PDB file of N, CA and C in Angstrom:
ATOM      1  N   UNK A   1       0.848  -1.174   0.000  1.00  0.00           N
ATOM      2  CA  UNK A   1       0.000   0.000   0.000  1.00  0.00           C
ATOM      3  C   UNK A   1       0.892   1.235   0.000  1.00  0.00           C
ATOM      4  N   UNK A   2       0.548   2.217  -0.793  1.00  0.00           N
ATOM      5  CA  UNK A   2       1.333   3.446  -0.858  1.00  0.00           C
ATOM      6  C   UNK A   2       0.824   4.453   0.165  1.00  0.00           C
ATOM      7  N   UNK A   3       1.643   5.418   0.484  1.00  0.00           N
ATOM      8  CA  UNK A   3       1.278   6.450   1.447  1.00  0.00           C
ATOM      9  C   UNK A   3       0.520   7.566   0.757  1.00  0.00           C
ATOM     10  N   UNK A   4      -0.406   8.154   1.480  1.00  0.00           N
ATOM     11  CA  UNK A   4      -1.199   9.258   0.963  1.00  0.00           C
ATOM     12  C   UNK A   4      -1.222  10.356   2.015  1.00  0.00           C
ATOM     13  N   UNK A   5      -0.970  11.586   1.614  1.00  0.00           N
ATOM     14  CA  UNK A   5      -1.082  12.722   2.521  1.00  0.00           C
ATOM     15  C   UNK A   5      -2.447  13.341   2.284  1.00  0.00           C
ATOM     16  N   UNK A   6      -3.236  13.445   3.348  1.00  0.00           N
ATOM     17  CA  UNK A   6      -4.603  13.916   3.226  1.00  0.00           C
ATOM     18  C   UNK A   6      -4.797  15.164   4.056  1.00  0.00           C
ATOM     19  N   UNK A   7      -5.408  16.164   3.471  1.00  0.00           N
ATOM     20  CA  UNK A   7      -5.702  17.394   4.184  1.00  0.00           C
ATOM     21  C   UNK A   7      -7.141  17.343   4.670  1.00  0.00           C
ATOM     22  N   UNK A   8      -7.362  16.728   5.836  1.00  0.00           N
ATOM     23  CA  UNK A   8      -8.695  16.691   6.405  1.00  0.00           C
ATOM     24  C   UNK A   8      -9.089  18.099   6.818  1.00  0.00           C
ATOM     25  N   UNK A   9     -10.380  18.396   6.838  1.00  0.00           N
ATOM     26  CA  UNK A   9     -10.794  19.760   7.201  1.00  0.00           C
ATOM     27  C   UNK A   9     -10.412  20.085   8.627  1.00  0.00           C
ATOM     28  N   UNK A  10     -10.090  21.332   8.854  1.00  0.00           N
ATOM     29  CA  UNK A  10      -9.793  21.808  10.194  1.00  0.00           C
ATOM     30  C   UNK A  10     -10.940  22.659  10.688  1.00  0.00           C
ATOM     31  N   UNK A  11     -10.819  23.186  11.886  1.00  0.00           N
ATOM     32  CA  UNK A  11     -11.890  24.009  12.433  1.00  0.00           C
ATOM     33  C   UNK A  11     -12.096  25.274  11.609  1.00  0.00           C
ATOM     34  N   UNK A  12     -13.329  25.725  11.555  1.00  0.00           N
ATOM     35  CA  UNK A  12     -13.632  27.001  10.903  1.00  0.00           C
ATOM     36  C   UNK A  12     -13.170  28.126  11.804  1.00  0.00           C
ATOM     37  N   UNK A  13     -13.100  29.308  11.242  1.00  0.00           N
ATOM     38  CA  UNK A  13     -12.738  30.482  12.038  1.00  0.00           C
ATOM     39  C   UNK A  13     -13.684  30.579  13.234  1.00  0.00           C
ATOM     40  N   UNK A  14     -13.122  30.754  14.406  1.00  0.00           N
ATOM     41  CA  UNK A  14     -13.923  30.880  15.616  1.00  0.00           C
ATOM     42  C   UNK A  14     -14.353  29.545  16.202  1.00  0.00           C
ATOM     43  N   UNK A  15     -13.973  28.450  15.572  1.00  0.00           N
ATOM     44  CA  UNK A  15     -14.346  27.121  16.041  1.00  0.00           C
ATOM     45  C   UNK A  15     -13.088  26.417  16.534  1.00  0.00           C
ATOM     46  N   UNK A  16     -13.158  25.851  17.714  1.00  0.00           N
ATOM     47  CA  UNK A  16     -11.962  25.247  18.300  1.00  0.00           C
ATOM     48  C   UNK A  16     -11.896  23.738  18.122  1.00  0.00           C
ATOM     49  N   UNK A  17     -13.008  23.111  17.808  1.00  0.00           N
ATOM     50  CA  UNK A  17     -13.048  21.657  17.712  1.00  0.00           C
ATOM     51  C   UNK A  17     -12.259  21.162  16.509  1.00  0.00           C
ATOM     52  N   UNK A  18     -11.748  19.956  16.622  1.00  0.00           N
ATOM     53  CA  UNK A  18     -11.103  19.282  15.502  1.00  0.00           C
ATOM     54  C   UNK A  18     -12.104  18.295  14.922  1.00  0.00           C
ATOM     55  N   UNK A  19     -11.915  17.896  13.673  1.00  0.00           N
ATOM     56  CA  UNK A  19     -12.812  16.863  13.139  1.00  0.00           C
ATOM     57  C   UNK A  19     -12.617  15.569  13.917  1.00  0.00           C
ATOM     58  N   UNK A  20     -13.667  14.779  14.017  1.00  0.00           N
ATOM     59  CA  UNK A  20     -13.597  13.520  14.785  1.00  0.00           C
ATOM     60  C   UNK A  20     -12.542  12.569  14.232  1.00  0.00           C
ATOM     61  N   UNK A  21     -12.268  12.657  12.951  1.00  0.00           N
ATOM     62  CA  UNK A  21     -11.281  11.760  12.353  1.00  0.00           C
ATOM     63  C   UNK A  21      -9.872  12.036  12.866  1.00  0.00           C
ATOM     64  N   UNK A  22      -9.628  13.226  13.378  1.00  0.00           N
ATOM     65  CA  UNK A  22      -8.280  13.613  13.798  1.00  0.00           C
ATOM     66  C   UNK A  22      -7.745  12.750  14.934  1.00  0.00           C
ATOM     67  N   UNK A  23      -8.629  12.155  15.714  1.00  0.00           N
ATOM     68  CA  UNK A  23      -8.172  11.352  16.850  1.00  0.00           C
ATOM     69  C   UNK A  23      -8.159   9.845  16.537  1.00  0.00           C
ATOM     70  N   UNK A  24      -8.251   9.506  15.261  1.00  0.00           N
ATOM     71  CA  UNK A  24      -8.245   8.102  14.844  1.00  0.00           C
ATOM     72  C   UNK A  24      -7.194   7.891  13.766  1.00  0.00           C
ATOM     73  N   UNK A  25      -6.900   6.635  13.496  1.00  0.00           N
ATOM     74  CA  UNK A  25      -5.935   6.268  12.469  1.00  0.00           C
ATOM     75  C   UNK A  25      -6.483   6.671  11.098  1.00  0.00           C
ATOM     76  N   UNK A  26      -5.769   7.507  10.380  1.00  0.00           N
ATOM     77  CA  UNK A  26      -6.222   7.990   9.067  1.00  0.00           C
ATOM     78  C   UNK A  26      -6.455   6.842   8.082  1.00  0.00           C
ATOM     79  N   UNK A  27      -5.790   5.726   8.285  1.00  0.00           N
ATOM     80  CA  UNK A  27      -5.959   4.587   7.381  1.00  0.00           C
ATOM     81  C   UNK A  27      -7.394   4.078   7.381  1.00  0.00           C
ATOM     82  N   UNK A  28      -8.130   4.269   8.477  1.00  0.00           N
ATOM     83  CA  UNK A  28      -9.519   3.808   8.549  1.00  0.00           C
ATOM     84  C   UNK A  28     -10.348   4.387   7.415  1.00  0.00           C
ATOM     85  N   UNK A  29     -10.032   5.593   6.993  1.00  0.00           N
ATOM     86  CA  UNK A  29     -10.825   6.277   5.972  1.00  0.00           C
ATOM     87  C   UNK A  29     -10.451   5.842   4.558  1.00  0.00           C
ATOM     88  N   UNK A  30      -9.419   5.014   4.442  1.00  0.00           N
ATOM     89  CA  UNK A  30      -8.953   4.597   3.120  1.00  0.00           C
ATOM     90  C   UNK A  30      -8.884   3.087   2.941  1.00  0.00           C
ATOM     91  N   UNK A  31      -9.190   2.322   3.961  1.00  0.00           N
ATOM     92  CA  UNK A  31      -9.185   0.865   3.864  1.00  0.00           C
ATOM     93  C   UNK A  31     -10.628   0.384   3.851  1.00  0.00           C
ATOM     94  N   UNK A  32     -11.087  -0.187   2.738  1.00  0.00           N
ATOM     95  CA  UNK A  32     -12.496  -0.575   2.618  1.00  0.00           C
ATOM     96  C   UNK A  32     -13.037  -1.406   3.785  1.00  0.00           C
ATOM     97  N   UNK A  33     -12.219  -2.241   4.372  1.00  0.00           N
ATOM     98  CA  UNK A  33     -12.702  -3.049   5.499  1.00  0.00           C
ATOM     99  C   UNK A  33     -12.978  -2.204   6.751  1.00  0.00           C
ATOM    100  N   UNK A  34     -12.515  -0.962   6.764  1.00  0.00           N
ATOM    101  CA  UNK A  34     -12.750  -0.064   7.905  1.00  0.00           C
ATOM    102  C   UNK A  34     -13.801   1.007   7.593  1.00  0.00           C
ATOM    103  N   UNK A  35     -14.336   1.021   6.381  1.00  0.00           N
ATOM    104  CA  UNK A  35     -15.269   2.076   5.984  1.00  0.00           C
ATOM    105  C   UNK A  35     -16.475   2.191   6.917  1.00  0.00           C
ATOM    106  N   UNK A  36     -17.038   1.060   7.369  1.00  0.00           N
ATOM    107  CA  UNK A  36     -18.210   1.134   8.250  1.00  0.00           C
ATOM    108  C   UNK A  36     -17.886   1.903   9.526  1.00  0.00           C
ATOM    109  N   UNK A  37     -16.735   1.637  10.094  1.00  0.00           N
ATOM    110  CA  UNK A  37     -16.318   2.343  11.325  1.00  0.00           C
ATOM    111  C   UNK A  37     -16.079   3.822  11.030  1.00  0.00           C
ATOM    112  N   UNK A  38     -15.435   4.133   9.914  1.00  0.00           N
ATOM    113  CA  UNK A  38     -15.172   5.522   9.554  1.00  0.00           C
ATOM    114  C   UNK A  38     -16.479   6.287   9.358  1.00  0.00           C
ATOM    115  N   UNK A  39     -17.437   5.679   8.662  1.00  0.00           N
ATOM    116  CA  UNK A  39     -18.733   6.322   8.429  1.00  0.00           C
ATOM    117  C   UNK A  39     -19.439   6.588   9.759  1.00  0.00           C
ATOM    118  N   UNK A  40     -19.342   5.655  10.676  1.00  0.00           N
ATOM    119  CA  UNK A  40     -19.961   5.813  12.001  1.00  0.00           C
ATOM    120  C   UNK A  40     -19.351   7.008  12.745  1.00  0.00           C
ATOM    121  N   UNK A  41     -18.046   7.166  12.658  1.00  0.00           N
ATOM    122  CA  UNK A  41     -17.377   8.294  13.313  1.00  0.00           C
ATOM    123  C   UNK A  41     -17.769   9.604  12.627  1.00  0.00           C
ATOM    124  N   UNK A  42     -17.805   9.608  11.312  1.00  0.00           N
ATOM    125  CA  UNK A  42     -18.191  10.804  10.555  1.00  0.00           C
ATOM    126  C   UNK A  42     -19.608  11.260  10.918  1.00  0.00           C
ATOM    127  N   UNK A  43     -20.488  10.326  11.167  1.00  0.00           N
ATOM    128  CA  UNK A  43     -21.887  10.662  11.439  1.00  0.00           C
ATOM    129  C   UNK A  43     -22.033  11.567  12.657  1.00  0.00           C
ATOM    130  N   UNK A  44     -21.063  11.545  13.560  1.00  0.00           N
ATOM    131  CA  UNK A  44     -21.132  12.358  14.777  1.00  0.00           C
ATOM    132  C   UNK A  44     -20.243  13.605  14.707  1.00  0.00           C
ATOM    133  N   UNK A  45     -19.712  13.896  13.535  1.00  0.00           N
ATOM    134  CA  UNK A  45     -18.750  14.993  13.395  1.00  0.00           C
ATOM    135  C   UNK A  45     -19.434  16.297  12.983  1.00  0.00           C
ATOM    136  N   UNK A  46     -19.068  17.373  13.646  1.00  0.00           N
ATOM    137  CA  UNK A  46     -19.602  18.705  13.332  1.00  0.00           C
ATOM    138  C   UNK A  46     -19.133  19.201  11.964  1.00  0.00           C
ATOM    139  N   UNK A  47     -18.043  18.667  11.474  1.00  0.00           N
ATOM    140  CA  UNK A  47     -17.457  19.149  10.221  1.00  0.00           C
ATOM    141  C   UNK A  47     -17.796  18.274   9.031  1.00  0.00           C
ATOM    142  N   UNK A  48     -18.754  17.380   9.208  1.00  0.00           N
ATOM    143  CA  UNK A  48     -19.105  16.431   8.160  1.00  0.00           C
ATOM    144  C   UNK A  48     -19.482  17.123   6.853  1.00  0.00           C
ATOM    145  N   UNK A  49     -20.330  18.124   6.906  1.00  0.00           N
ATOM    146  CA  UNK A  49     -20.777  18.809   5.681  1.00  0.00           C
ATOM    147  C   UNK A  49     -19.609  19.488   4.973  1.00  0.00           C
ATOM    148  N   UNK A  50     -18.735  20.139   5.734  1.00  0.00           N
ATOM    149  CA  UNK A  50     -17.566  20.793   5.133  1.00  0.00           C
ATOM    150  C   UNK A  50     -16.652  19.765   4.474  1.00  0.00           C
ATOM    151  N   UNK A  51     -16.468  18.655   5.142  1.00  0.00           N
ATOM    152  CA  UNK A  51     -15.601  17.592   4.623  1.00  0.00           C
ATOM    153  C   UNK A  51     -16.168  17.037   3.319  1.00  0.00           C
ATOM    154  N   UNK A  52     -17.463  16.764   3.298  1.00  0.00           N
ATOM    155  CA  UNK A  52     -18.091  16.237   2.087  1.00  0.00           C
ATOM    156  C   UNK A  52     -18.017  17.255   0.961  1.00  0.00           C
ATOM    157  N   UNK A  53     -18.280  18.512   1.262  1.00  0.00           N
ATOM    158  CA  UNK A  53     -18.217  19.557   0.238  1.00  0.00           C
ATOM    159  C   UNK A  53     -16.825  19.646  -0.357  1.00  0.00           C
ATOM    160  N   UNK A  54     -15.816  19.563   0.489  1.00  0.00           N
ATOM    161  CA  UNK A  54     -14.432  19.625   0.013  1.00  0.00           C
ATOM    162  C   UNK A  54     -14.124  18.444  -0.914  1.00  0.00           C
ATOM    163  N   UNK A  55     -14.573  17.261  -0.527  1.00  0.00           N
ATOM    164  CA  UNK A  55     -14.334  16.076  -1.355  1.00  0.00           C
ATOM    165  C   UNK A  55     -15.049  16.185  -2.690  1.00  0.00           C
ATOM    166  N   UNK A  56     -16.270  16.680  -2.685  1.00  0.00           N
ATOM    167  CA  UNK A  56     -17.026  16.818  -3.933  1.00  0.00           C
ATOM    168  C   UNK A  56     -16.411  17.887  -4.827  1.00  0.00           C
ATOM    169  N   UNK A  57     -15.982  18.988  -4.251  1.00  0.00           N
ATOM    170  CA  UNK A  57     -15.379  20.064  -5.029  1.00  0.00           C
ATOM    171  C   UNK A  57     -14.071  19.625  -5.678  1.00  0.00           C
ATOM    172  N   UNK A  58     -13.303  18.815  -4.969  1.00  0.00           N
ATOM    173  CA  UNK A  58     -12.006  18.404  -5.488  1.00  0.00           C
ATOM    174  C   UNK A  58     -12.071  17.126  -6.326  1.00  0.00           C
ATOM    175  N   UNK A  59     -13.246  16.489  -6.364  1.00  0.00           N
ATOM    176  CA  UNK A  59     -13.374  15.256  -7.134  1.00  0.00           C
ATOM    177  C   UNK A  59     -12.685  14.076  -6.477  1.00  0.00           C
ATOM    178  N   UNK A  60     -12.577  14.110  -5.155  1.00  0.00           N
ATOM    179  CA  UNK A  60     -11.907  13.031  -4.413  1.00  0.00           C
ATOM    180  C   UNK A  60     -12.592  11.697  -4.709  1.00  0.00           C
ATOM    181  N   UNK A  61     -11.792  10.700  -5.116  1.00  0.00           N
ATOM    182  CA  UNK A  61     -12.359   9.396  -5.460  1.00  0.00           C
ATOM    183  C   UNK A  61     -11.945   8.289  -4.495  1.00  0.00           C
ATOM    184  N   UNK A  62     -11.099   8.596  -3.534  1.00  0.00           N
ATOM    185  CA  UNK A  62     -10.616   7.581  -2.599  1.00  0.00           C
ATOM    186  C   UNK A  62     -11.107   7.879  -1.193  1.00  0.00           C
ATOM    187  N   UNK A  63     -11.377   6.847  -0.430  1.00  0.00           N
ATOM    188  CA  UNK A  63     -11.656   6.983   0.989  1.00  0.00           C
ATOM    189  C   UNK A  63     -13.026   7.545   1.341  1.00  0.00           C
ATOM    190  N   UNK A  64     -13.293   7.530   2.651  1.00  0.00           N
ATOM    191  CA  UNK A  64     -14.531   8.072   3.209  1.00  0.00           C
ATOM    192  C   UNK A  64     -14.328   9.553   3.476  1.00  0.00           C
ATOM    193  N   UNK A  65     -15.229  10.363   2.968  1.00  0.00           N
ATOM    194  CA  UNK A  65     -15.195  11.809   3.184  1.00  0.00           C
ATOM    195  C   UNK A  65     -16.604  12.258   3.524  1.00  0.00           C
ATOM    196  N   UNK A  66     -16.757  13.012   4.579  1.00  0.00           N
ATOM    197  CA  UNK A  66     -18.074  13.508   4.952  1.00  0.00           C
ATOM    198  C   UNK A  66     -19.073  12.399   5.212  1.00  0.00           C
ATOM    199  N   UNK A  67     -18.584  11.245   5.609  1.00  0.00           N
ATOM    200  CA  UNK A  67     -19.461  10.134   5.936  1.00  0.00           C
ATOM    201  C   UNK A  67     -19.924   9.311   4.746  1.00  0.00           C
ATOM    202  N   UNK A  68     -19.398   9.581   3.556  1.00  0.00           N
ATOM    203  CA  UNK A  68     -19.781   8.817   2.377  1.00  0.00           C
ATOM    204  C   UNK A  68     -18.581   8.076   1.802  1.00  0.00           C
ATOM    205  N   UNK A  69     -18.815   6.844   1.407  1.00  0.00           N
ATOM    206  CA  UNK A  69     -17.777   6.029   0.771  1.00  0.00           C
ATOM    207  C   UNK A  69     -17.597   6.492  -0.674  1.00  0.00           C
ATOM    208  N   UNK A  70     -16.529   6.048  -1.339  1.00  0.00           N
ATOM    209  CA  UNK A  70     -16.350   6.424  -2.745  1.00  0.00           C
ATOM    210  C   UNK A  70     -17.557   6.034  -3.614  1.00  0.00           C
ATOM    211  N   UNK A  71     -18.119   4.863  -3.369  1.00  0.00           N
ATOM    212  CA  UNK A  71     -19.271   4.408  -4.142  1.00  0.00           C
ATOM    213  C   UNK A  71     -20.491   5.293  -3.888  1.00  0.00           C
ATOM    214  N   UNK A  72     -20.699   5.690  -2.642  1.00  0.00           N
ATOM    215  CA  UNK A  72     -21.834   6.555  -2.317  1.00  0.00           C
ATOM    216  C   UNK A  72     -21.674   7.934  -2.960  1.00  0.00           C
ATOM    217  N   UNK A  73     -20.451   8.469  -2.939  1.00  0.00           N
ATOM    218  CA  UNK A  73     -20.224   9.768  -3.579  1.00  0.00           C
ATOM    219  C   UNK A  73     -20.414   9.668  -5.086  1.00  0.00           C
ATOM    220  N   UNK A  74     -19.943   8.563  -5.683  1.00  0.00           N
ATOM    221  CA  UNK A  74     -20.075   8.378  -7.132  1.00  0.00           C
ATOM    222  C   UNK A  74     -21.547   8.263  -7.542  1.00  0.00           C
ATOM    223  N   UNK A  75     -22.390   7.770  -6.647  1.00  0.00           N
ATOM    224  CA  UNK A  75     -23.815   7.606  -6.955  1.00  0.00           C
ATOM    225  C   UNK A  75     -24.597   8.906  -6.840  1.00  0.00           C
ATOM    226  N   UNK A  76     -23.991   9.935  -6.269  1.00  0.00           N
ATOM    227  CA  UNK A  76     -24.683  11.224  -6.154  1.00  0.00           C
ATOM    228  C   UNK A  76     -24.889  11.810  -7.543  1.00  0.00           C
ATOM    229  N   UNK A  77     -25.989  12.509  -7.736  1.00  0.00           N
ATOM    230  CA  UNK A  77     -26.191  13.132  -9.045  1.00  0.00           C
ATOM    231  C   UNK A  77     -25.144  14.207  -9.288  1.00  0.00           C
ATOM    232  N   UNK A  78     -24.797  14.411 -10.537  1.00  0.00           N
ATOM    233  CA  UNK A  78     -23.846  15.471 -10.883  1.00  0.00           C
ATOM    234  C   UNK A  78     -24.481  16.819 -10.566  1.00  0.00           C
ATOM    235  N   UNK A  79     -23.741  17.643  -9.885  1.00  0.00           N
ATOM    236  CA  UNK A  79     -24.228  18.976  -9.533  1.00  0.00           C
ATOM    237  C   UNK A  79     -23.033  19.864  -9.270  1.00  0.00           C
ATOM    238  N   UNK A  80     -23.228  21.123  -9.431  1.00  0.00           N
ATOM    239  CA  UNK A  80     -22.181  22.089  -9.113  1.00  0.00           C
ATOM    240  C   UNK A  80     -22.262  22.358  -7.621  1.00  0.00           C
ATOM    241  N   UNK A  81     -21.129  22.280  -6.937  1.00  0.00           N
ATOM    242  CA  UNK A  81     -21.080  22.559  -5.500  1.00  0.00           C
ATOM    243  C   UNK A  81     -20.674  24.012  -5.338  1.00  0.00           C
ATOM    244  N   UNK A  82     -21.538  24.791  -4.737  1.00  0.00           N
ATOM    245  CA  UNK A  82     -21.275  26.209  -4.528  1.00  0.00           C
ATOM    246  C   UNK A  82     -21.115  26.457  -3.036  1.00  0.00           C
ATOM    247  N   UNK A  83     -19.922  26.843  -2.594  1.00  0.00           N
ATOM    248  CA  UNK A  83     -19.744  27.111  -1.165  1.00  0.00           C
ATOM    249  C   UNK A  83     -20.532  28.354  -0.762  1.00  0.00           C
ATOM    250  N   UNK A  84     -21.229  28.261   0.333  1.00  0.00           N
ATOM    251  CA  UNK A  84     -22.001  29.396   0.840  1.00  0.00           C
ATOM    252  C   UNK A  84     -21.105  30.290   1.672  1.00  0.00           C
ATOM    253  N   UNK A  85     -21.266  31.598   1.562  1.00  0.00           N
ATOM    254  CA  UNK A  85     -20.460  32.500   2.389  1.00  0.00           C
ATOM    255  C   UNK A  85     -20.854  32.374   3.852  1.00  0.00           C
ATOM    256  N   UNK A  86     -19.896  32.631   4.720  1.00  0.00           N
ATOM    257  CA  UNK A  86     -20.172  32.598   6.153  1.00  0.00           C
ATOM    258  C   UNK A  86     -21.197  33.661   6.497  1.00  0.00           C
ATOM    259  N   UNK A  87     -22.046  33.340   7.425  1.00  0.00           N
ATOM    260  CA  UNK A  87     -23.100  34.225   7.862  1.00  0.00           C
ATOM    261  C   UNK A  87     -23.077  34.266   9.387  1.00  0.00           C
ATOM    262  N   UNK A  88     -23.346  35.394   9.968  1.00  0.00           N
ATOM    263  CA  UNK A  88     -23.347  35.521  11.428  1.00  0.00           C
ATOM    264  C   UNK A  88     -24.322  34.501  12.012  1.00  0.00           C
ATOM    265  N   UNK A  89     -23.864  33.772  13.015  1.00  0.00           N
ATOM    266  CA  UNK A  89     -24.719  32.802  13.694  1.00  0.00           C
ATOM    267  C   UNK A  89     -24.804  31.457  13.024  1.00  0.00           C
ATOM    268  N   UNK A  90     -24.197  31.292  11.843  1.00  0.00           N
ATOM    269  CA  UNK A  90     -24.233  30.011  11.136  1.00  0.00           C
ATOM    270  C   UNK A  90     -22.970  29.233  11.431  1.00  0.00           C
ATOM    271  N   UNK A  91     -23.135  27.975  11.707  1.00  0.00           N
ATOM    272  CA  UNK A  91     -21.991  27.096  11.921  1.00  0.00           C
ATOM    273  C   UNK A  91     -21.981  26.009  10.923  1.00  0.00           C
TER     274      UNK A  91
END
């Protein structure tokens, strides 16, 4: 298996939390036999939407991102992902 450097999302401005994946082995998100566990961890993460948006925008085809496996992301309908500007009170 080759090494991969992954830029997981970090906290937004004014947010101190780290993504839930940061405290686990990054390999879980890239080894199909660990996908169920990775998806379970993603489901409880505050940064799930940001992570998924980043993966969709970049065309990421490997690993679990935003709680979706590569197959689940590939099954999504084609759409343009437009990042929304930050708004007061929105997290």
